[in-house]
Structure formats: structure tokens, C-alpha cells
Amino acid sequence: MGLFDKMFGKGATTAQQDSNSQQRFNELKGKYQSVLNIIEQQEVQLQNLHVENNKLFIRGNAPSPETKDKVWDQIKLVDPNYDQDLTADITYDEAKAAAAAAGGGQGQGKSGDNLSKISKQFYGDANEYMRIYYANKGTLRDPDKIQVGQKLTIPPAE
């Protein structure tokens, strides 16, 4: 399973309940795959990736202003009229970057745990699991695979 195979973030639960959303998500994800590749390569911390109002909704925080510009440049390369099928909120916020680096706490993987379950426990929303993934990207290769006893950094709730 790939990093961006599932919708996540606030709004993803609603989107997943619409039977057409997954098909639309896959269609738009294919169109904007090069943007998602830049996001992953440049380590943009995504908070949202889902379909909202029949558009791909992407929200994330770039680690630098240059990274933010790279993402926007790629969006415009894919489709100069992106506003018809994409809502993107890619920002650079120095305070958020520092807070994400500082982390909000520690957790430890237990038998049967996954990041969605841990996200539900800490944030009240299973679709916020990517926040934990990004905080632990150095030790996690896949958000669906955590080890029993693995120590995890839990970012603070926003």
C-alpha cells in the first residue's frame, strides 16, 4: 500500500461515506501524482488528502518557503486551471514547523495497534493518523505498519 492510497484528515470520514468519492479520489490522485511525489520527496507534512466538493483537497505545511514554491510550481505544471478540480492549501509556517519538530508527547505501539487507532485515541479522529506518521517518518516506512513496543512521537493536537 502506498503512502497516499487512502483519504485522511478532517473531512475524510465524510468523503469516504460517499460512494463516488473513492473513484473521484483515485482519478484526481492520478492526475496530480507528480504533485504528491514532490510533496513526499520534499517532506511536506500533509494534514488532509481527500475529496471535498468533487475536488481533491490537499492541506499541508512545507518545511521551507522554497518547498512551498516547488509544490505550487508543480501544481501549475499539471494544470494551470487547477482550481476546477483541486483545492490546495500548502503553507510554510515557521511556528508550525518548530512545533512539529518539538513533538507533543510519546506513545508506544501495542499488539493490534495501527496509526489510525492511536490517532483516534489521541485526537478523537482516526483520519488524523498522518500527523503521527510525519512525526515518526524517520522510523516508520509505512503508516499501516508499526511494531509492538515501538516508541512513537505524538504531535500536539491543534
N, C-alpha and C. Protein backbone atom coordinates (compact mmCIF):
# COMPACT_ATOMS: atom_id res chain seq x y z
N MET A 1 0.85 -1.18 0.00
CA MET A 1 0.00 0.00 0.00
C MET A 1 0.89 1.23 0.00
N GLY A 2 0.53 2.22 -0.80
CA GLY A 2 1.29 3.45 -0.90
C GLY A 2 0.88 4.46 0.15
N LEU A 3 1.72 5.44 0.32
CA LEU A 3 1.52 6.46 1.34
C LEU A 3 0.22 7.24 1.13
N PHE A 4 -0.15 7.49 -0.12
CA PHE A 4 -1.32 8.31 -0.40
C PHE A 4 -2.48 7.50 -0.98
N ASP A 5 -2.60 6.25 -0.62
CA ASP A 5 -3.66 5.40 -1.15
C ASP A 5 -5.00 5.64 -0.47
N LYS A 6 -4.99 6.20 0.74
CA LYS A 6 -6.23 6.41 1.48
C LYS A 6 -6.44 7.90 1.74
N MET A 7 -7.71 8.27 1.81
CA MET A 7 -8.04 9.64 2.19
C MET A 7 -7.80 9.79 3.69
N PHE A 8 -7.35 10.97 4.10
CA PHE A 8 -7.12 11.19 5.53
C PHE A 8 -7.29 12.66 5.86
N GLY A 9 -7.35 12.94 7.16
CA GLY A 9 -7.52 14.30 7.67
C GLY A 9 -8.98 14.61 7.92
N LYS A 10 -9.20 15.77 8.54
CA LYS A 10 -10.58 16.19 8.83
C LYS A 10 -11.33 16.32 7.52
N GLY A 11 -12.48 15.71 7.46
CA GLY A 11 -13.28 15.70 6.24
C GLY A 11 -13.21 14.39 5.50
N ALA A 12 -12.20 13.58 5.78
CA ALA A 12 -12.05 12.31 5.07
C ALA A 12 -13.17 11.33 5.42
N THR A 13 -13.63 11.34 6.67
CA THR A 13 -14.70 10.42 7.07
C THR A 13 -15.96 10.70 6.26
N THR A 14 -16.30 11.95 6.11
CA THR A 14 -17.47 12.33 5.31
C THR A 14 -17.27 11.91 3.86
N ALA A 15 -16.10 12.17 3.31
CA ALA A 15 -15.81 11.83 1.92
C ALA A 15 -15.89 10.32 1.70
N GLN A 16 -15.43 9.53 2.65
CA GLN A 16 -15.42 8.08 2.50
C GLN A 16 -16.82 7.49 2.49
N GLN A 17 -17.79 8.22 3.04
CA GLN A 17 -19.17 7.73 3.07
C GLN A 17 -19.87 7.91 1.73
N ASP A 18 -19.34 8.77 0.86
CA ASP A 18 -19.91 8.99 -0.47
C ASP A 18 -19.32 7.94 -1.40
N SER A 19 -20.18 7.13 -2.02
CA SER A 19 -19.72 6.02 -2.85
C SER A 19 -18.90 6.49 -4.06
N ASN A 20 -19.14 7.68 -4.55
CA ASN A 20 -18.40 8.18 -5.71
C ASN A 20 -17.06 8.81 -5.34
N SER A 21 -16.87 9.12 -4.06
CA SER A 21 -15.67 9.84 -3.64
C SER A 21 -14.39 9.04 -3.86
N GLN A 22 -14.41 7.73 -3.60
CA GLN A 22 -13.19 6.94 -3.77
C GLN A 22 -12.78 6.90 -5.24
N GLN A 23 -13.74 6.76 -6.12
CA GLN A 23 -13.44 6.76 -7.55
C GLN A 23 -12.88 8.13 -7.97
N ARG A 24 -13.51 9.19 -7.52
CA ARG A 24 -13.04 10.55 -7.84
C ARG A 24 -11.66 10.80 -7.23
N PHE A 25 -11.45 10.30 -6.01
CA PHE A 25 -10.16 10.43 -5.34
C PHE A 25 -9.07 9.76 -6.18
N ASN A 26 -9.32 8.55 -6.64
CA ASN A 26 -8.32 7.83 -7.45
C ASN A 26 -8.06 8.55 -8.77
N GLU A 27 -9.10 9.07 -9.38
CA GLU A 27 -8.96 9.81 -10.64
C GLU A 27 -8.08 11.05 -10.45
N LEU A 28 -8.41 11.85 -9.45
CA LEU A 28 -7.67 13.09 -9.22
C LEU A 28 -6.26 12.82 -8.68
N LYS A 29 -6.14 11.78 -7.89
CA LYS A 29 -4.82 11.42 -7.37
C LYS A 29 -3.90 11.04 -8.53
N GLY A 30 -4.45 10.35 -9.51
CA GLY A 30 -3.67 10.01 -10.70
C GLY A 30 -3.24 11.25 -11.46
N LYS A 31 -4.15 12.17 -11.62
CA LYS A 31 -3.84 13.42 -12.34
C LYS A 31 -2.74 14.20 -11.62
N TYR A 32 -2.83 14.28 -10.30
CA TYR A 32 -1.89 15.09 -9.52
C TYR A 32 -0.79 14.25 -8.87
N GLN A 33 -0.50 13.06 -9.42
CA GLN A 33 0.50 12.18 -8.82
C GLN A 33 1.87 12.86 -8.74
N SER A 34 2.25 13.63 -9.74
CA SER A 34 3.56 14.29 -9.70
C SER A 34 3.63 15.32 -8.57
N VAL A 35 2.49 15.94 -8.25
CA VAL A 35 2.43 16.87 -7.11
C VAL A 35 2.62 16.09 -5.81
N LEU A 36 1.93 14.95 -5.69
CA LEU A 36 2.06 14.13 -4.49
C LEU A 36 3.49 13.61 -4.34
N ASN A 37 4.14 13.30 -5.48
CA ASN A 37 5.54 12.86 -5.42
C ASN A 37 6.44 13.96 -4.87
N ILE A 38 6.24 15.20 -5.32
CA ILE A 38 7.03 16.34 -4.81
C ILE A 38 6.76 16.52 -3.31
N ILE A 39 5.49 16.40 -2.92
CA ILE A 39 5.11 16.54 -1.51
C ILE A 39 5.85 15.52 -0.66
N GLU A 40 5.89 14.28 -1.14
CA GLU A 40 6.58 13.22 -0.39
C GLU A 40 8.09 13.45 -0.38
N GLN A 41 8.67 13.75 -1.54
CA GLN A 41 10.12 13.95 -1.64
C GLN A 41 10.60 15.14 -0.80
N GLN A 42 9.80 16.19 -0.76
CA GLN A 42 10.20 17.40 -0.06
C GLN A 42 9.75 17.41 1.40
N GLU A 43 9.12 16.32 1.83
CA GLU A 43 8.70 16.12 3.22
C GLU A 43 7.73 17.20 3.70
N VAL A 44 6.76 17.51 2.85
CA VAL A 44 5.66 18.39 3.26
C VAL A 44 4.78 17.57 4.19
N GLN A 45 4.41 18.14 5.32
CA GLN A 45 3.57 17.43 6.28
C GLN A 45 2.11 17.67 5.93
N LEU A 46 1.48 16.64 5.37
CA LEU A 46 0.08 16.76 4.97
C LEU A 46 -0.83 16.55 6.16
N GLN A 47 -1.84 17.40 6.27
CA GLN A 47 -2.88 17.22 7.27
C GLN A 47 -4.14 16.64 6.63
N ASN A 48 -4.36 16.94 5.35
CA ASN A 48 -5.57 16.49 4.66
C ASN A 48 -5.23 16.03 3.26
N LEU A 49 -5.86 14.96 2.85
CA LEU A 49 -5.84 14.49 1.47
C LEU A 49 -7.13 13.71 1.27
N HIS A 50 -8.11 14.35 0.66
CA HIS A 50 -9.39 13.68 0.41
C HIS A 50 -10.17 14.45 -0.66
N VAL A 51 -11.34 13.95 -0.99
CA VAL A 51 -12.21 14.63 -1.94
C VAL A 51 -13.22 15.45 -1.17
N GLU A 52 -13.36 16.71 -1.57
CA GLU A 52 -14.32 17.61 -0.95
C GLU A 52 -14.91 18.47 -2.07
N ASN A 53 -16.23 18.50 -2.17
CA ASN A 53 -16.91 19.25 -3.23
C ASN A 53 -16.42 18.82 -4.62
N ASN A 54 -16.20 17.52 -4.79
CA ASN A 54 -15.78 16.91 -6.05
C ASN A 54 -14.39 17.36 -6.51
N LYS A 55 -13.60 17.91 -5.59
CA LYS A 55 -12.23 18.34 -5.86
C LYS A 55 -11.29 17.59 -4.93
N LEU A 56 -10.05 17.41 -5.37
CA LEU A 56 -9.03 16.87 -4.50
C LEU A 56 -8.64 17.97 -3.52
N PHE A 57 -8.72 17.68 -2.24
CA PHE A 57 -8.42 18.66 -1.20
C PHE A 57 -7.09 18.26 -0.56
N ILE A 58 -6.11 19.14 -0.68
CA ILE A 58 -4.78 18.91 -0.10
C ILE A 58 -4.45 20.07 0.83
N ARG A 59 -4.09 19.75 2.07
CA ARG A 59 -3.63 20.78 3.01
C ARG A 59 -2.36 20.26 3.65
N GLY A 60 -1.33 21.12 3.66
CA GLY A 60 -0.08 20.70 4.27
C GLY A 60 0.80 21.87 4.62
N ASN A 61 1.82 21.57 5.40
CA ASN A 61 2.78 22.57 5.84
C ASN A 61 4.16 22.19 5.30
N ALA A 62 4.72 23.07 4.48
CA ALA A 62 6.03 22.83 3.88
C ALA A 62 7.14 23.16 4.88
N PRO A 63 8.26 22.44 4.80
CA PRO A 63 9.36 22.71 5.73
C PRO A 63 10.14 23.99 5.41
N SER A 64 9.90 24.58 4.22
CA SER A 64 10.58 25.83 3.86
C SER A 64 9.75 26.56 2.81
N PRO A 65 9.99 27.86 2.66
CA PRO A 65 9.29 28.61 1.62
C PRO A 65 9.62 28.08 0.21
N GLU A 66 10.85 27.62 0.02
CA GLU A 66 11.26 27.08 -1.28
C GLU A 66 10.48 25.81 -1.62
N THR A 67 10.25 24.97 -0.62
CA THR A 67 9.48 23.75 -0.82
C THR A 67 8.04 24.10 -1.19
N LYS A 68 7.49 25.05 -0.48
CA LYS A 68 6.12 25.50 -0.79
C LYS A 68 6.04 25.93 -2.25
N ASP A 69 7.01 26.71 -2.70
CA ASP A 69 7.03 27.17 -4.09
C ASP A 69 7.16 26.01 -5.08
N LYS A 70 7.97 25.01 -4.75
CA LYS A 70 8.12 23.84 -5.62
C LYS A 70 6.79 23.11 -5.81
N VAL A 71 6.06 22.96 -4.71
CA VAL A 71 4.76 22.28 -4.79
C VAL A 71 3.81 23.08 -5.68
N TRP A 72 3.73 24.38 -5.45
CA TRP A 72 2.84 25.22 -6.25
C TRP A 72 3.26 25.23 -7.71
N ASP A 73 4.55 25.25 -7.99
CA ASP A 73 5.03 25.22 -9.38
C ASP A 73 4.58 23.91 -10.05
N GLN A 74 4.66 22.82 -9.33
CA GLN A 74 4.25 21.53 -9.90
C GLN A 74 2.75 21.49 -10.14
N ILE A 75 1.97 22.03 -9.21
CA ILE A 75 0.51 22.10 -9.40
C ILE A 75 0.19 22.84 -10.69
N LYS A 76 0.85 23.97 -10.91
CA LYS A 76 0.60 24.78 -12.10
C LYS A 76 1.09 24.09 -13.38
N LEU A 77 2.14 23.26 -13.27
CA LEU A 77 2.59 22.49 -14.43
C LEU A 77 1.56 21.43 -14.82
N VAL A 78 0.97 20.78 -13.82
CA VAL A 78 -0.03 19.75 -14.10
C VAL A 78 -1.27 20.37 -14.73
N ASP A 79 -1.73 21.48 -14.17
CA ASP A 79 -2.95 22.11 -14.67
C ASP A 79 -2.98 23.57 -14.26
N PRO A 80 -2.74 24.48 -15.22
CA PRO A 80 -2.79 25.91 -14.89
C PRO A 80 -4.16 26.34 -14.36
N ASN A 81 -5.21 25.60 -14.70
CA ASN A 81 -6.57 25.89 -14.22
C ASN A 81 -6.97 24.93 -13.11
N TYR A 82 -6.03 24.62 -12.22
CA TYR A 82 -6.23 23.63 -11.18
C TYR A 82 -7.44 23.90 -10.29
N ASP A 83 -7.89 25.13 -10.21
CA ASP A 83 -8.97 25.48 -9.28
C ASP A 83 -10.29 24.79 -9.62
N GLN A 84 -10.37 24.14 -10.78
CA GLN A 84 -11.60 23.44 -11.15
C GLN A 84 -11.70 22.06 -10.51
N ASP A 85 -10.54 21.45 -10.18
CA ASP A 85 -10.61 20.12 -9.58
C ASP A 85 -9.64 19.91 -8.42
N LEU A 86 -9.07 21.00 -7.91
CA LEU A 86 -8.11 20.90 -6.80
C LEU A 86 -8.28 22.09 -5.87
N THR A 87 -8.32 21.80 -4.59
CA THR A 87 -8.22 22.83 -3.56
C THR A 87 -6.95 22.52 -2.79
N ALA A 88 -5.98 23.42 -2.87
CA ALA A 88 -4.70 23.19 -2.21
C ALA A 88 -4.40 24.32 -1.23
N ASP A 89 -3.99 23.93 -0.05
CA ASP A 89 -3.57 24.88 0.97
C ASP A 89 -2.20 24.43 1.47
N ILE A 90 -1.18 24.81 0.72
CA ILE A 90 0.19 24.46 1.08
C ILE A 90 0.84 25.72 1.62
N THR A 91 1.22 25.66 2.87
CA THR A 91 1.76 26.84 3.53
C THR A 91 3.12 26.55 4.12
N TYR A 92 3.80 27.61 4.47
CA TYR A 92 5.00 27.50 5.29
C TYR A 92 4.75 28.35 6.51
N ASP A 93 4.75 27.72 7.64
CA ASP A 93 4.52 28.41 8.91
C ASP A 93 5.68 28.03 9.83
N GLU A 94 6.54 28.97 10.08
CA GLU A 94 7.74 28.71 10.88
C GLU A 94 7.38 28.17 12.27
N ALA A 95 6.33 28.71 12.87
CA ALA A 95 5.92 28.27 14.21
C ALA A 95 5.43 26.82 14.17
N LYS A 96 4.65 26.47 13.13
CA LYS A 96 4.17 25.08 12.99
C LYS A 96 5.32 24.13 12.76
N ALA A 97 6.28 24.54 11.94
CA ALA A 97 7.44 23.70 11.67
C ALA A 97 8.22 23.42 12.96
N ALA A 98 8.38 24.44 13.79
CA ALA A 98 9.10 24.28 15.06
C ALA A 98 8.30 23.39 16.02
N ALA A 99 6.98 23.58 16.06
CA ALA A 99 6.14 22.76 16.95
C ALA A 99 6.15 21.31 16.51
N ALA A 100 6.11 21.07 15.21
CA ALA A 100 6.14 19.69 14.71
C ALA A 100 7.46 19.02 15.06
N ALA A 101 8.55 19.79 14.96
CA ALA A 101 9.86 19.24 15.29
C ALA A 101 9.96 18.93 16.79
N ALA A 102 9.31 19.75 17.62
CA ALA A 102 9.38 19.56 19.07
C ALA A 102 8.54 18.35 19.51
N GLY A 103 7.43 18.08 18.82
CA GLY A 103 6.58 16.95 19.19
C GLY A 103 5.73 17.26 20.39
N GLY A 104 4.72 16.43 20.62
CA GLY A 104 3.79 16.70 21.70
C GLY A 104 3.76 15.63 22.76
N GLY A 105 4.45 14.57 22.60
CA GLY A 105 4.42 13.51 23.59
C GLY A 105 4.94 12.21 22.99
N GLN A 106 4.86 11.18 23.79
CA GLN A 106 5.35 9.88 23.36
C GLN A 106 4.26 8.83 23.54
N GLY A 107 4.28 7.86 22.69
CA GLY A 107 3.39 6.71 22.80
C GLY A 107 4.20 5.47 22.48
N GLN A 108 3.61 4.32 22.70
CA GLN A 108 4.30 3.07 22.43
C GLN A 108 3.33 2.12 21.77
N GLY A 109 3.76 1.51 20.65
CA GLY A 109 2.91 0.58 19.91
C GLY A 109 2.62 -0.67 20.73
N LYS A 110 1.35 -1.09 20.69
CA LYS A 110 0.92 -2.32 21.36
C LYS A 110 0.39 -3.29 20.31
N SER A 111 0.24 -4.52 20.69
CA SER A 111 -0.29 -5.54 19.78
C SER A 111 -1.65 -5.09 19.25
N GLY A 112 -1.82 -5.15 17.93
CA GLY A 112 -3.08 -4.76 17.30
C GLY A 112 -3.19 -3.28 16.99
N ASP A 113 -2.18 -2.49 17.37
CA ASP A 113 -2.22 -1.05 17.12
C ASP A 113 -1.92 -0.73 15.66
N ASN A 114 -2.48 0.35 15.22
CA ASN A 114 -2.09 0.98 13.96
C ASN A 114 -2.21 2.48 14.19
N LEU A 115 -1.72 3.26 13.26
CA LEU A 115 -1.71 4.71 13.47
C LEU A 115 -3.11 5.30 13.53
N SER A 116 -4.07 4.71 12.81
CA SER A 116 -5.45 5.20 12.88
C SER A 116 -6.01 5.03 14.28
N LYS A 117 -5.75 3.88 14.87
CA LYS A 117 -6.24 3.61 16.23
C LYS A 117 -5.60 4.56 17.24
N ILE A 118 -4.32 4.79 17.11
CA ILE A 118 -3.61 5.70 18.01
C ILE A 118 -4.10 7.13 17.80
N SER A 119 -4.33 7.51 16.55
CA SER A 119 -4.86 8.84 16.24
C SER A 119 -6.23 9.04 16.86
N LYS A 120 -7.07 8.03 16.80
CA LYS A 120 -8.41 8.11 17.42
C LYS A 120 -8.26 8.34 18.92
N GLN A 121 -7.32 7.63 19.54
CA GLN A 121 -7.10 7.74 20.98
C GLN A 121 -6.62 9.15 21.37
N PHE A 122 -5.68 9.71 20.62
CA PHE A 122 -5.08 10.99 21.00
C PHE A 122 -5.84 12.21 20.47
N TYR A 123 -6.46 12.08 19.28
CA TYR A 123 -7.09 13.23 18.64
C TYR A 123 -8.60 13.11 18.50
N GLY A 124 -9.13 11.90 18.76
CA GLY A 124 -10.56 11.70 18.60
C GLY A 124 -10.98 11.49 17.16
N ASP A 125 -10.02 11.36 16.24
CA ASP A 125 -10.31 11.18 14.82
C ASP A 125 -9.26 10.26 14.21
N ALA A 126 -9.69 9.09 13.76
CA ALA A 126 -8.76 8.12 13.18
C ALA A 126 -8.09 8.65 11.91
N ASN A 127 -8.73 9.57 11.22
CA ASN A 127 -8.19 10.09 9.97
C ASN A 127 -7.07 11.11 10.16
N GLU A 128 -6.68 11.37 11.37
CA GLU A 128 -5.57 12.29 11.65
C GLU A 128 -4.24 11.52 11.78
N TYR A 129 -4.23 10.25 11.37
CA TYR A 129 -3.06 9.38 11.57
C TYR A 129 -1.79 9.89 10.88
N MET A 130 -1.93 10.65 9.80
CA MET A 130 -0.73 11.11 9.09
C MET A 130 0.08 12.11 9.91
N ARG A 131 -0.56 12.78 10.86
CA ARG A 131 0.19 13.68 11.75
C ARG A 131 1.21 12.87 12.55
N ILE A 132 0.80 11.70 13.02
CA ILE A 132 1.71 10.84 13.78
C ILE A 132 2.76 10.25 12.85
N TYR A 133 2.33 9.85 11.65
CA TYR A 133 3.28 9.29 10.68
C TYR A 133 4.41 10.28 10.39
N TYR A 134 4.06 11.53 10.08
CA TYR A 134 5.09 12.52 9.76
C TYR A 134 6.01 12.80 10.93
N ALA A 135 5.49 12.76 12.13
CA ALA A 135 6.33 12.98 13.31
C ALA A 135 7.31 11.83 13.54
N ASN A 136 7.02 10.68 12.92
CA ASN A 136 7.85 9.49 13.11
C ASN A 136 8.41 8.96 11.80
N LYS A 137 8.47 9.82 10.79
CA LYS A 137 8.86 9.38 9.46
C LYS A 137 10.25 8.75 9.42
N GLY A 138 11.12 9.15 10.32
CA GLY A 138 12.46 8.58 10.35
C GLY A 138 12.48 7.11 10.77
N THR A 139 11.46 6.68 11.51
CA THR A 139 11.44 5.29 11.98
C THR A 139 10.31 4.47 11.38
N LEU A 140 9.33 5.11 10.75
CA LEU A 140 8.21 4.39 10.12
C LEU A 140 8.35 4.47 8.61
N ARG A 141 8.21 3.33 7.95
CA ARG A 141 8.24 3.34 6.49
C ARG A 141 6.83 3.35 5.92
N ASP A 142 5.88 2.88 6.69
CA ASP A 142 4.51 2.74 6.22
C ASP A 142 3.58 3.06 7.39
N PRO A 143 2.58 3.94 7.19
CA PRO A 143 1.69 4.29 8.29
C PRO A 143 0.84 3.11 8.79
N ASP A 144 0.77 2.03 8.02
CA ASP A 144 -0.01 0.87 8.42
C ASP A 144 0.81 -0.18 9.17
N LYS A 145 2.11 0.06 9.31
CA LYS A 145 2.97 -0.95 9.92
C LYS A 145 3.78 -0.36 11.07
N ILE A 146 3.33 -0.62 12.29
CA ILE A 146 4.11 -0.24 13.46
C ILE A 146 4.40 -1.51 14.24
N GLN A 147 5.48 -1.48 14.96
CA GLN A 147 5.93 -2.66 15.69
C GLN A 147 5.48 -2.58 17.15
N VAL A 148 5.21 -3.73 17.73
CA VAL A 148 4.89 -3.80 19.15
C VAL A 148 6.10 -3.27 19.92
N GLY A 149 5.84 -2.33 20.84
CA GLY A 149 6.90 -1.75 21.64
C GLY A 149 7.60 -0.56 21.00
N GLN A 150 7.27 -0.27 19.75
CA GLN A 150 7.90 0.85 19.05
C GLN A 150 7.48 2.16 19.69
N LYS A 151 8.46 3.01 19.99
CA LYS A 151 8.17 4.32 20.59
C LYS A 151 7.79 5.29 19.48
N LEU A 152 6.70 6.04 19.72
CA LEU A 152 6.21 6.98 18.73
C LEU A 152 6.11 8.38 19.33
N THR A 153 6.45 9.37 18.54
CA THR A 153 6.24 10.76 18.91
C THR A 153 4.82 11.11 18.51
N ILE A 154 4.06 11.69 19.43
CA ILE A 154 2.69 12.10 19.17
C ILE A 154 2.65 13.63 19.14
N PRO A 155 2.43 14.23 17.95
CA PRO A 155 2.38 15.69 17.88
C PRO A 155 1.19 16.24 18.69
N PRO A 156 1.31 17.46 19.17
CA PRO A 156 0.20 18.04 19.94
C PRO A 156 -1.02 18.24 19.06
N ALA A 157 -2.20 18.18 19.67
CA ALA A 157 -3.44 18.46 18.94
C ALA A 157 -3.48 19.94 18.62
N GLU A 158 -4.03 20.26 17.46
CA GLU A 158 -4.11 21.68 17.06
C GLU A 158 -5.33 22.32 17.63
